C-alpha atoms as a PDB file:
ATOM      1  CA  MET A   1      15.031  12.675   3.545  1.00  0.00           C
ATOM      2  CA  ILE A   2      16.689   9.877   1.231  1.00  0.00           C
ATOM      3  CA  ILE A   3      15.366   9.549  -2.136  1.00  0.00           C
ATOM      4  CA  SER A   4      15.376   5.983  -3.657  1.00  0.00           C
ATOM      5  CA  ALA A   5      15.312   6.232  -7.285  1.00  0.00           C
ATOM      6  CA  SER A   6      14.334   3.526  -7.564  1.00  0.00           C
ATOM      7  CA  ARG A   7      13.747  -0.227  -6.440  1.00  0.00           C
ATOM      8  CA  ARG A   8      10.580  -0.273  -8.477  1.00  0.00           C
ATOM      9  CA  THR A   9      11.973   0.729 -12.003  1.00  0.00           C
ATOM     10  CA  ASP A  10      15.337   1.875 -13.760  1.00  0.00           C
ATOM     11  CA  ILE A  11      14.957   5.691 -13.693  1.00  0.00           C
ATOM     12  CA  PRO A  12      18.639   6.211 -14.799  1.00  0.00           C
ATOM     13  CA  ALA A  13      18.273   3.908 -17.795  1.00  0.00           C
ATOM     14  CA  PHE A  14      14.690   4.955 -18.984  1.00  0.00           C
ATOM     15  CA  TYR A  15      13.653   8.070 -17.062  1.00  0.00           C
ATOM     16  CA  SER A  16      16.993  10.383 -16.638  1.00  0.00           C
ATOM     17  CA  ALA A  17      15.245  13.362 -18.591  1.00  0.00           C
ATOM     18  CA  TRP A  18      12.369  13.234 -16.450  1.00  0.00           C
ATOM     19  CA  PHE A  19      14.137  13.058 -13.398  1.00  0.00           C
ATOM     20  CA  MET A  20      16.165  16.132 -13.935  1.00  0.00           C
ATOM     21  CA  GLU A  21      13.049  17.952 -15.030  1.00  0.00           C
ATOM     22  CA  ARG A  22      11.668  17.063 -11.414  1.00  0.00           C
ATOM     23  CA  ILE A  23      14.804  18.003  -9.842  1.00  0.00           C
ATOM     24  CA  ARG A  24      14.642  21.416 -11.265  1.00  0.00           C
ATOM     25  CA  ALA A  25      10.954  21.884 -10.213  1.00  0.00           C
ATOM     26  CA  GLY A  26      11.963  20.626  -6.754  1.00  0.00           C
ATOM     27  CA  TYR A  27       9.112  18.023  -6.330  1.00  0.00           C
ATOM     28  CA  CYS A  28       7.411  15.099  -8.121  1.00  0.00           C
ATOM     29  CA  HIS A  29       4.302  13.063  -7.449  1.00  0.00           C
ATOM     30  CA  VAL A  30       4.529   9.327  -6.552  1.00  0.00           C
ATOM     31  CA  PRO A  31       1.395   7.191  -6.404  1.00  0.00           C
ATOM     32  CA  ASN A  32       1.033   4.456  -3.664  1.00  0.00           C
ATOM     33  CA  PRO A  33       1.869   1.189  -5.008  1.00  0.00           C
ATOM     34  CA  TYR A  34      -1.050  -0.492  -3.369  1.00  0.00           C
ATOM     35  CA  ASN A  35      -3.384   2.207  -4.070  1.00  0.00           C
ATOM     36  CA  PRO A  36      -2.772   4.456  -7.188  1.00  0.00           C
ATOM     37  CA  LYS A  37      -5.431   6.819  -6.244  1.00  0.00           C
ATOM     38  CA  GLN A  38      -3.395   8.125  -3.042  1.00  0.00           C
ATOM     39  CA  VAL A  39      -0.772  10.264  -4.600  1.00  0.00           C
ATOM     40  CA  ALA A  40       2.125  11.921  -2.644  1.00  0.00           C
ATOM     41  CA  GLU A  41       3.994  14.829  -3.423  1.00  0.00           C
ATOM     42  CA  VAL A  42       7.544  14.513  -2.607  1.00  0.00           C
ATOM     43  CA  SER A  43      10.041  17.216  -2.240  1.00  0.00           C
ATOM     44  CA  LEU A  44      13.266  17.068  -4.302  1.00  0.00           C
ATOM     45  CA  LYS A  45      14.590  20.289  -3.175  1.00  0.00           C
ATOM     46  CA  PRO A  46      18.327  20.244  -2.284  1.00  0.00           C
ATOM     47  CA  GLN A  47      17.524  21.273   1.427  1.00  0.00           C
ATOM     48  CA  ASP A  48      14.923  18.347   1.973  1.00  0.00           C
ATOM     49  CA  VAL A  49      17.149  15.680   0.231  1.00  0.00           C
ATOM     50  CA  ASP A  50      20.047  14.416   2.175  1.00  0.00           C
ATOM     51  CA  VAL A  51      20.800  11.635  -0.242  1.00  0.00           C
ATOM     52  CA  ILE A  52      19.641  10.106  -3.577  1.00  0.00           C
ATOM     53  CA  VAL A  53      20.448   6.564  -3.958  1.00  0.00           C
ATOM     54  CA  PHE A  54      20.172   5.268  -7.723  1.00  0.00           C
ATOM     55  CA  TRP A  55      19.389   1.726  -8.547  1.00  0.00           C
ATOM     56  CA  SER A  56      20.313   0.828 -12.275  1.00  0.00           C
ATOM     57  CA  LYS A  57      21.430  -1.725 -14.629  1.00  0.00           C
ATOM     58  CA  ASN A  58      22.350   0.922 -17.064  1.00  0.00           C
ATOM     59  CA  PRO A  59      22.836   4.459 -15.615  1.00  0.00           C
ATOM     60  CA  ALA A  60      24.724   5.721 -18.579  1.00  0.00           C
ATOM     61  CA  PRO A  61      21.812   8.091 -19.553  1.00  0.00           C
ATOM     62  CA  LEU A  62      22.276   9.891 -16.363  1.00  0.00           C
ATOM     63  CA  LEU A  63      25.812  10.470 -16.516  1.00  0.00           C
ATOM     64  CA  ARG A  64      25.519  13.651 -18.523  1.00  0.00           C
ATOM     65  CA  TYR A  65      23.550  14.956 -15.692  1.00  0.00           C
ATOM     66  CA  LEU A  66      25.855  14.339 -12.795  1.00  0.00           C
ATOM     67  CA  PRO A  67      27.628  17.828 -13.039  1.00  0.00           C
ATOM     68  CA  GLU A  68      24.427  19.443 -12.696  1.00  0.00           C
ATOM     69  CA  LEU A  69      23.397  17.474  -9.578  1.00  0.00           C
ATOM     70  CA  ASP A  70      26.831  18.323  -8.177  1.00  0.00           C
ATOM     71  CA  ALA A  71      26.253  22.128  -8.856  1.00  0.00           C
ATOM     72  CA  ARG A  72      22.825  22.100  -7.306  1.00  0.00           C
ATOM     73  CA  GLY A  73      24.443  20.510  -4.064  1.00  0.00           C
ATOM     74  CA  TYR A  74      22.769  16.688  -4.137  1.00  0.00           C
ATOM     75  CA  ARG A  75      24.455  14.007  -2.611  1.00  0.00           C
ATOM     76  CA  TYR A  76      23.981  10.678  -4.297  1.00  0.00           C
ATOM     77  CA  TYR A  77      25.516   7.262  -4.846  1.00  0.00           C
ATOM     78  CA  PHE A  78      24.637   4.394  -7.339  1.00  0.00           C
ATOM     79  CA  LEU A  79      23.889   0.616  -6.628  1.00  0.00           C
ATOM     80  CA  TYR A  80      25.015  -0.679 -10.038  1.00  0.00           C
ATOM     81  CA  THR A  81      23.530  -4.177 -10.904  1.00  0.00           C
ATOM     82  CA  LEU A  82      25.961  -6.044 -13.124  1.00  0.00           C
ATOM     83  CA  ASN A  83      25.134 -10.155 -13.538  1.00  0.00           C
ATOM     84  CA  ASN A  84      25.983 -10.910 -17.413  1.00  0.00           C
ATOM     85  CA  TYR A  85      23.251 -13.278 -17.802  1.00  0.00           C
ATOM     86  CA  PRO A  86      22.407 -15.070 -20.987  1.00  0.00           C
ATOM     87  CA  THR A  87      20.143 -13.023 -23.259  1.00  0.00           C
ATOM     88  CA  GLU A  88      17.292 -14.999 -22.080  1.00  0.00           C
ATOM     89  CA  LEU A  89      17.259 -13.614 -18.668  1.00  0.00           C
ATOM     90  CA  GLU A  90      18.118 -10.215 -19.385  1.00  0.00           C
ATOM     91  CA  PRO A  91      17.151  -9.543 -23.001  1.00  0.00           C
ATOM     92  CA  LYS A  92      17.153  -5.595 -23.358  1.00  0.00           C
ATOM     93  CA  VAL A  93      20.337  -4.712 -21.146  1.00  0.00           C
ATOM     94  CA  PRO A  94      23.262  -3.305 -23.041  1.00  0.00           C
ATOM     95  CA  SER A  95      26.089  -5.696 -23.340  1.00  0.00           C
ATOM     96  CA  ALA A  96      28.617  -6.664 -20.304  1.00  0.00           C
ATOM     97  CA  GLN A  97      31.262  -4.589 -21.876  1.00  0.00           C
ATOM     98  CA  GLU A  98      29.091  -1.574 -22.527  1.00  0.00           C
ATOM     99  CA  ARG A  99      28.196  -1.745 -18.844  1.00  0.00           C
ATOM    100  CA  ILE A 100      31.747  -2.204 -17.509  1.00  0.00           C
ATOM    101  CA  LYS A 101      32.744   0.655 -19.236  1.00  0.00           C
ATOM    102  CA  SER A 102      29.803   3.020 -17.735  1.00  0.00           C
ATOM    103  CA  PHE A 103      30.750   1.402 -14.493  1.00  0.00           C
ATOM    104  CA  ARG A 104      34.147   2.644 -14.780  1.00  0.00           C
ATOM    105  CA  ARG A 105      33.174   5.907 -16.056  1.00  0.00           C
ATOM    106  CA  LEU A 106      30.891   6.512 -13.349  1.00  0.00           C
ATOM    107  CA  SER A 107      33.225   5.478 -10.590  1.00  0.00           C
ATOM    108  CA  GLU A 108      35.985   7.746 -12.097  1.00  0.00           C
ATOM    109  CA  PHE A 109      33.547  10.502 -11.733  1.00  0.00           C
ATOM    110  CA  VAL A 110      32.142  10.021  -8.246  1.00  0.00           C
ATOM    111  CA  GLY A 111      34.859   7.668  -6.638  1.00  0.00           C
ATOM    112  CA  PRO A 112      34.488   3.850  -6.211  1.00  0.00           C
ATOM    113  CA  LYS A 113      32.994   4.206  -2.638  1.00  0.00           C
ATOM    114  CA  ARG A 114      29.841   5.779  -4.107  1.00  0.00           C
ATOM    115  CA  VAL A 115      29.298   2.951  -6.914  1.00  0.00           C
ATOM    116  CA  ILE A 116      28.356  -0.321  -5.326  1.00  0.00           C
ATOM    117  CA  TRP A 117      28.245  -3.422  -7.518  1.00  0.00           C
ATOM    118  CA  ARG A 118      25.179  -5.412  -7.080  1.00  0.00           C
ATOM    119  CA  TYR A 119      25.574  -9.073  -8.259  1.00  0.00           C
ATOM    120  CA  ASP A 120      22.032  -9.741  -8.020  1.00  0.00           C
ATOM    121  CA  PRO A 121      20.029 -11.831  -7.923  1.00  0.00           C
ATOM    122  CA  ILE A 122      21.944 -15.095  -8.069  1.00  0.00           C
ATOM    123  CA  ILE A 123      19.604 -17.502 -10.126  1.00  0.00           C
ATOM    124  CA  ILE A 124      20.782 -21.377  -9.864  1.00  0.00           C
ATOM    125  CA  SER A 125      19.456 -23.275 -13.060  1.00  0.00           C
ATOM    126  CA  ASN A 126      20.871 -25.793 -15.407  1.00  0.00           C
ATOM    127  CA  ARG A 127      22.214 -22.845 -17.624  1.00  0.00           C
ATOM    128  CA  THR A 128      23.270 -20.601 -14.881  1.00  0.00           C
ATOM    129  CA  ASP A 129      24.656 -23.050 -12.470  1.00  0.00           C
ATOM    130  CA  TYR A 130      27.216 -22.796  -9.644  1.00  0.00           C
ATOM    131  CA  SER A 131      30.250 -23.047 -12.232  1.00  0.00           C
ATOM    132  CA  PHE A 132      28.631 -20.357 -14.273  1.00  0.00           C
ATOM    133  CA  HIS A 133      28.573 -17.874 -11.286  1.00  0.00           C
ATOM    134  CA  GLU A 134      32.029 -18.511 -10.005  1.00  0.00           C
ATOM    135  CA  GLN A 135      33.452 -17.912 -13.623  1.00  0.00           C
ATOM    136  CA  THR A 136      31.359 -14.890 -14.393  1.00  0.00           C
ATOM    137  CA  PHE A 137      31.795 -13.387 -10.935  1.00  0.00           C
ATOM    138  CA  THR A 138      35.500 -14.017 -11.286  1.00  0.00           C
ATOM    139  CA  ALA A 139      35.600 -12.167 -14.648  1.00  0.00           C
ATOM    140  CA  LEU A 140      33.446  -9.300 -13.570  1.00  0.00           C
ATOM    141  CA  ALA A 141      35.444  -8.679 -10.419  1.00  0.00           C
ATOM    142  CA  LYS A 142      38.554  -8.629 -12.212  1.00  0.00           C
ATOM    143  CA  GLU A 143      37.136  -5.795 -14.471  1.00  0.00           C
ATOM    144  CA  LEU A 144      35.863  -3.873 -11.653  1.00  0.00           C
ATOM    145  CA  SER A 145      38.693  -4.131  -9.288  1.00  0.00           C
ATOM    146  CA  GLY A 146      39.616  -0.482  -8.560  1.00  0.00           C
ATOM    147  CA  PHE A 147      36.152   0.966  -9.451  1.00  0.00           C
ATOM    148  CA  THR A 148      34.008  -0.228  -6.323  1.00  0.00           C
ATOM    149  CA  GLN A 149      34.646  -1.008  -2.701  1.00  0.00           C
ATOM    150  CA  ARG A 150      31.658  -3.246  -2.121  1.00  0.00           C
ATOM    151  CA  VAL A 151      29.782  -6.176  -3.781  1.00  0.00           C
ATOM    152  CA  ILE A 152      26.089  -7.018  -2.528  1.00  0.00           C
ATOM    153  CA  ILE A 153      24.500 -10.360  -3.509  1.00  0.00           C
ATOM    154  CA  SER A 154      21.317 -12.032  -2.960  1.00  0.00           C
ATOM    155  CA  ILE A 155      19.814 -15.471  -4.182  1.00  0.00           C
ATOM    156  CA  ALA A 156      16.592 -15.101  -6.699  1.00  0.00           C
ATOM    157  CA  ASP A 157      13.337 -15.169  -4.982  1.00  0.00           C
ATOM    158  CA  PHE A 158      10.696 -16.821  -7.218  1.00  0.00           C
ATOM    159  CA  TYR A 159       7.395 -14.935  -6.515  1.00  0.00           C
ATOM    160  CA  ARG A 160       4.122 -15.889  -7.989  1.00  0.00           C
ATOM    161  CA  LYS A 161       4.638 -13.263 -10.857  1.00  0.00           C
ATOM    162  CA  THR A 162       8.101 -14.243 -11.164  1.00  0.00           C
ATOM    163  CA  ASP A 163       7.259 -17.930 -11.618  1.00  0.00           C
ATOM    164  CA  ARG A 164       4.491 -16.574 -14.447  1.00  0.00           C
ATOM    165  CA  ARG A 165       7.256 -14.968 -16.290  1.00  0.00           C
ATOM    166  CA  LEU A 166       9.818 -17.767 -16.047  1.00  0.00           C
ATOM    167  CA  ALA A 167       7.337 -20.314 -17.427  1.00  0.00           C
ATOM    168  CA  ALA A 168       8.109 -19.582 -21.028  1.00  0.00           C
ATOM    169  CA  LEU A 169      11.754 -20.154 -20.396  1.00  0.00           C
ATOM    170  CA  GLN A 170      10.995 -23.407 -18.311  1.00  0.00           C
ATOM    171  CA  ALA A 171       9.013 -24.648 -21.660  1.00  0.00           C
ATOM    172  CA  GLU A 172      12.376 -23.902 -23.488  1.00  0.00           C
ATOM    173  CA  GLY A 173      14.420 -26.079 -21.369  1.00  0.00           C
ATOM    174  CA  TYR A 174      15.263 -23.861 -18.323  1.00  0.00           C
ATOM    175  CA  VAL A 175      15.341 -25.772 -15.203  1.00  0.00           C
ATOM    176  CA  PHE A 176      15.288 -23.271 -11.994  1.00  0.00           C
ATOM    177  CA  ASN A 177      16.580 -24.376  -8.700  1.00  0.00           C
ATOM    178  CA  LYS A 178      14.272 -22.510  -6.419  1.00  0.00           C
ATOM    179  CA  THR A 179      15.609 -23.923  -3.119  1.00  0.00           C
ATOM    180  CA  PRO A 180      19.343 -23.193  -3.132  1.00  0.00           C
ATOM    181  CA  ASP A 181      19.560 -22.200   0.333  1.00  0.00           C
ATOM    182  CA  GLU A 182      18.872 -25.942   1.460  1.00  0.00           C
ATOM    183  CA  GLN A 183      21.919 -27.127  -0.598  1.00  0.00           C
ATOM    184  CA  PRO A 184      25.894 -27.136   0.564  1.00  0.00           C
ATOM    185  CA  ALA A 185      26.877 -26.393  -2.977  1.00  0.00           C
ATOM    186  CA  LEU A 186      25.506 -22.409  -2.627  1.00  0.00           C
ATOM    187  CA  ILE A 187      27.454 -21.995   0.633  1.00  0.00           C
ATOM    188  CA  GLN A 188      30.454 -23.165  -1.297  1.00  0.00           C
ATOM    189  CA  LEU A 189      29.886 -20.896  -4.027  1.00  0.00           C
ATOM    190  CA  LEU A 190      29.286 -17.837  -1.550  1.00  0.00           C
ATOM    191  CA  GLN A 191      32.594 -18.688   0.356  1.00  0.00           C
ATOM    192  CA  ARG A 192      34.431 -18.681  -3.088  1.00  0.00           C
ATOM    193  CA  LEU A 193      32.652 -15.295  -3.956  1.00  0.00           C
ATOM    194  CA  LYS A 194      33.951 -13.869  -0.685  1.00  0.00           C
ATOM    195  CA  ASP A 195      37.447 -15.005  -1.327  1.00  0.00           C
ATOM    196  CA  ILE A 196      37.544 -13.369  -4.788  1.00  0.00           C
ATOM    197  CA  THR A 197      36.146 -10.104  -3.540  1.00  0.00           C
ATOM    198  CA  ALA A 198      38.878 -10.159  -0.829  1.00  0.00           C
ATOM    199  CA  GLN A 199      41.295 -10.397  -3.532  1.00  0.00           C
ATOM    200  CA  HIS A 200      40.100  -7.304  -5.284  1.00  0.00           C
ATOM    201  CA  GLY A 201      39.329  -5.145  -2.361  1.00  0.00           C
ATOM    202  CA  MET A 202      35.669  -5.224  -2.673  1.00  0.00           C
ATOM    203  CA  PRO A 203      33.898  -6.689   0.442  1.00  0.00           C
ATOM    204  CA  ILE A 204      30.958  -8.799   0.026  1.00  0.00           C
ATOM    205  CA  GLN A 205      27.443  -8.435   1.774  1.00  0.00           C
ATOM    206  CA  THR A 206      24.198  -9.748   1.450  1.00  0.00           C
ATOM    207  CA  CYS A 207      20.757  -8.059   0.608  1.00  0.00           C
ATOM    208  CA  ALA A 208      18.070  -8.878   3.054  1.00  0.00           C
ATOM    209  CA  GLU A 209      19.394 -12.691   3.610  1.00  0.00           C
ATOM    210  CA  ASP A 210      21.224 -14.620   6.156  1.00  0.00           C
ATOM    211  CA  HIS A 211      24.309 -16.185   5.024  1.00  0.00           C
ATOM    212  CA  ALA A 212      26.427 -16.126   7.823  1.00  0.00           C
ATOM    213  CA  ALA A 213      27.155 -19.842   7.211  1.00  0.00           C
ATOM    214  CA  ALA A 214      29.297 -19.086   4.410  1.00  0.00           C
ATOM    215  CA  GLY A 215      30.995 -15.932   6.410  1.00  0.00           C
ATOM    216  CA  VAL A 216      29.070 -13.435   4.158  1.00  0.00           C
ATOM    217  CA  PRO A 217      27.566 -10.633   6.391  1.00  0.00           C
ATOM    218  CA  ALA A 218      24.499  -8.813   5.986  1.00  0.00           C
ATOM    219  CA  GLY A 219      24.601  -5.573   4.580  1.00  0.00           C
ATOM    220  CA  ALA A 220      22.204  -2.783   3.460  1.00  0.00           C
ATOM    221  CA  CYS A 221      21.702  -1.233   0.086  1.00  0.00           C
ATOM    222  CA  ILE A 222      20.512   1.839   1.186  1.00  0.00           C
ATOM    223  CA  ASP A 223      23.080   2.063   3.878  1.00  0.00           C
ATOM    224  CA  ALA A 224      23.050   4.661   6.917  1.00  0.00           C
ATOM    225  CA  GLN A 225      26.493   3.898   8.099  1.00  0.00           C
ATOM    226  CA  LEU A 226      28.143   4.424   4.342  1.00  0.00           C
ATOM    227  CA  ILE A 227      25.578   7.689   4.123  1.00  0.00           C
ATOM    228  CA  HIS A 228      27.190   8.786   7.459  1.00  0.00           C
ATOM    229  CA  ALA A 229      30.746   8.041   6.464  1.00  0.00           C
ATOM    230  CA  LEU A 230      30.714   9.772   3.239  1.00  0.00           C
ATOM    231  CA  TRP A 231      28.655  12.958   4.442  1.00  0.00           C
ATOM    232  CA  GLY A 232      28.164  12.914   8.018  1.00  0.00           C
ATOM    233  CA  ILE A 233      24.303  12.566   8.039  1.00  0.00           C
ATOM    234  CA  GLY A 234      22.646  11.070  10.936  1.00  0.00           C
ATOM    235  CA  ASN A 235      20.892   7.751  10.869  1.00  0.00           C
ATOM    236  CA  PRO A 236      16.935   7.828   9.849  1.00  0.00           C
ATOM    237  CA  GLY A 237      16.498   4.476  11.357  1.00  0.00           C
ATOM    238  CA  LYS A 238      15.495   1.212   9.474  1.00  0.00           C
ATOM    239  CA  ASP A 239      12.908   1.186   6.773  1.00  0.00           C
ATOM    240  CA  PRO A 240       9.717  -0.510   8.308  1.00  0.00           C
ATOM    241  CA  TYR A 241       8.254  -1.326   4.966  1.00  0.00           C
ATOM    242  CA  GLN A 242      10.825  -3.644   3.871  1.00  0.00           C
ATOM    243  CA  ARG A 243      11.566  -7.221   4.653  1.00  0.00           C
ATOM    244  CA  GLY A 244      12.706  -8.240   8.158  1.00  0.00           C
ATOM    245  CA  LEU A 245      16.117  -9.025   7.304  1.00  0.00           C
ATOM    246  CA  CYS A 246      16.513  -5.844   5.115  1.00  0.00           C
ATOM    247  CA  GLY A 247      19.003  -3.327   6.577  1.00  0.00           C
ATOM    248  CA  CYS A 248      18.077  -0.367   4.569  1.00  0.00           C
ATOM    249  CA  ALA A 249      17.419   2.685   6.123  1.00  0.00           C
ATOM    250  CA  LYS A 250      14.140   4.565   5.877  1.00  0.00           C
ATOM    251  CA  SER A 251      13.594   6.283   2.201  1.00  0.00           C
ATOM    252  CA  LYS A 252      11.002   7.557  -0.121  1.00  0.00           C
ATOM    253  CA  ASP A 253      10.981   5.688  -3.605  1.00  0.00           C
ATOM    254  CA  ILE A 254       9.886   7.860  -6.232  1.00  0.00           C
ATOM    255  CA  GLY A 255       9.800   4.979  -8.947  1.00  0.00           C
ATOM    256  CA  ILE A 256       6.404   2.865 -10.210  1.00  0.00           C
ATOM    257  CA  ASN A 257       6.139  -0.662 -10.792  1.00  0.00           C
ATOM    258  CA  ASN A 258       5.535  -2.082 -14.337  1.00  0.00           C
ATOM    259  CA  THR A 259       7.606   0.760 -16.115  1.00  0.00           C
ATOM    260  CA  CYS A 260      11.208  -0.787 -16.593  1.00  0.00           C
ATOM    261  CA  LEU A 261      11.835  -1.886 -20.196  1.00  0.00           C
ATOM    262  CA  HIS A 262      14.857  -4.115 -19.544  1.00  0.00           C
ATOM    263  CA  GLY A 263      12.531  -7.253 -19.874  1.00  0.00           C
ATOM    264  CA  CYS A 264      14.342  -9.463 -17.219  1.00  0.00           C
ATOM    265  CA  PRO A 265      11.585 -12.271 -16.726  1.00  0.00           C
ATOM    266  CA  TYR A 266      12.969 -12.725 -12.989  1.00  0.00           C
ATOM    267  CA  CYS A 267      11.782  -9.177 -12.180  1.00  0.00           C
ATOM    268  CA  TYR A 268       9.838  -8.879  -9.077  1.00  0.00           C
ATOM    269  CA  ALA A 269       8.623  -5.242 -10.000  1.00  0.00           C
ATOM    270  CA  THR A 270       7.241  -6.092 -13.688  1.00  0.00           C
ATOM    271  CA  CYS A 271       4.266  -8.207 -14.116  1.00  0.00           C
ATOM    272  CA  SER A 272       4.859  -8.378 -17.870  1.00  0.00           C
ATOM    273  CA  ASP A 273       6.791  -6.571 -20.892  1.00  0.00           C
ATOM    274  CA  GLN A 274       3.374  -5.377 -22.421  1.00  0.00           C
ATOM    275  CA  ALA A 275       2.564  -3.527 -19.177  1.00  0.00           C
ATOM    276  CA  ALA A 276       5.779  -2.042 -18.740  1.00  0.00           C
ATOM    277  CA  LEU A 277       5.661  -0.859 -22.521  1.00  0.00           C
ATOM    278  CA  ALA A 278       2.172   0.520 -22.240  1.00  0.00           C
ATOM    279  CA  ASN A 279       3.195   2.450 -19.064  1.00  0.00           C
ATOM    280  CA  PHE A 280       5.912   3.717 -21.011  1.00  0.00           C
ATOM    281  CA  ARG A 281       3.930   5.206 -23.699  1.00  0.00           C
ATOM    282  CA  ARG A 282       2.151   7.145 -21.218  1.00  0.00           C
ATOM    283  CA  HIS A 283       5.350   8.731 -19.843  1.00  0.00           C
ATOM    284  CA  GLU A 284       5.586  12.550 -20.280  1.00  0.00           C
ATOM    285  CA  VAL A 285       8.966  13.952 -19.731  1.00  0.00           C
ATOM    286  CA  ASN A 286       7.427  16.995 -18.424  1.00  0.00           C
ATOM    287  CA  SER A 287       4.876  15.476 -16.125  1.00  0.00           C
ATOM    288  CA  THR A 288       4.825  15.700 -12.273  1.00  0.00           C
ATOM    289  CA  ARG A 289       4.616  12.041 -12.047  1.00  0.00           C
ATOM    290  CA  LEU A 290       6.278   9.364 -13.976  1.00  0.00           C
ATOM    291  CA  ILE A 291       3.263   8.027 -15.894  1.00  0.00           C
ATOM    292  CA  GLY A 292       0.798   9.995 -17.112  1.00  0.00           C
ATOM    293  CA  PRO A 293      -0.079  13.787 -17.338  1.00  0.00           C
ATOM    294  CA  SER A 294       1.022  16.054 -14.622  1.00  0.00           C
ATOM    295  CA  LEU A 295      -1.295  16.196 -11.490  1.00  0.00           C
ATOM    296  CA  THR A 296      -3.313  19.415 -10.634  1.00  0.00           C
ATOM    297  CA  THR A 297      -5.252  18.345  -7.660  1.00  0.00           C
ATOM    298  CA  THR A 298      -4.253  18.605  -3.978  1.00  0.00           C
ATOM    299  CA  VAL A 299      -2.006  15.452  -2.837  1.00  0.00           C
ATOM    300  CA  ASP A 300      -0.505  14.413   0.323  1.00  0.00           C
ATOM    301  CA  ASN A 301       2.870  15.872   1.130  1.00  0.00           C
ATOM    302  CA  ALA A 302       5.701  13.313   1.762  1.00  0.00           C
END
C-alpha cells in the first residue's frame, strides 16, 4: 500500500508531530471526504506500507523525524511545491529563500531522486504573466540544480470554490487568465521551461494534463515507475479515483480537506481560511485522526 500524505493538506508543514505519533502507533483513522461518518482505519505498520509520498510546500518541520522513519524501515519520497508567488497568492508560506534552503537540506539527506520539485499550479494573471513565470522558474531552477532530478508542472484549474476565494483578489485588481490552454503563449512558455530544465538535469513532466504540443510529457506524482526504480516494488495499478489524465498509482490518502493553514486562495482542497483554522483548533496530536478526538468505535479497515 502506498500512503499519500497528502493531497488534501500539508501534513509535513502542520501535522508532523501527529503523523509521527500515528507511525509509532501503527495506524490512523481517515474519514471519507464525501461522507465524514464513514471512517477507515489505515495501517501504518512498516510491513503494510510500501512507500509514503509526502506533499508539501514546507516540509522543514518533518526533517527532524526522518532519521526515525529510516530506523523504522519506511520508504518515502517528497513532492515539494515551490512557486515563489506574490504574497497575495501565497500569504502564509515561508520565504522562497527559506524553502530553497530546506529543499537543499532535504535533498542532501534523502538524495535528489527522492525530492521532486512541483512548480504547480501555473497561474496566469496580469501580475503573474508568462514573463513572470519564465523569470521565476529560471531563478528557482538555478537554485535547485543538482538537488532534484525531476520537475512536475500543471496549469491552474479554476473550480467553483477557487473562483470564490479568488474573487477578493479580482476586486483588488488581479485579472486571471482562466483559459491559457487555448493560447500559443502557453505553449511557448512550456517549451521554454523544458529548455531550462534540460540545462539543469531535471526533466519536466505534467500533472494530469496533456501538453504534448509543447513537448512536455505526461507524468505521475505518485509514480509507480519511480517507486520500482528506487525500491523494486511492483506496480499497484492506476488510481481509479483520480482524473482521467492523472498517471498516479493507487494510494491511500490520510489527509483531510480544509485543514491547511498556508492560506493560498487558489487551493482546491480548502474552502476558506476560517474553515481551515476552525479545524486546526480541533486538532489533537495524540488523536487517532487528524481532526477531532480519537475514535473508539469500530471502523472499516483500509
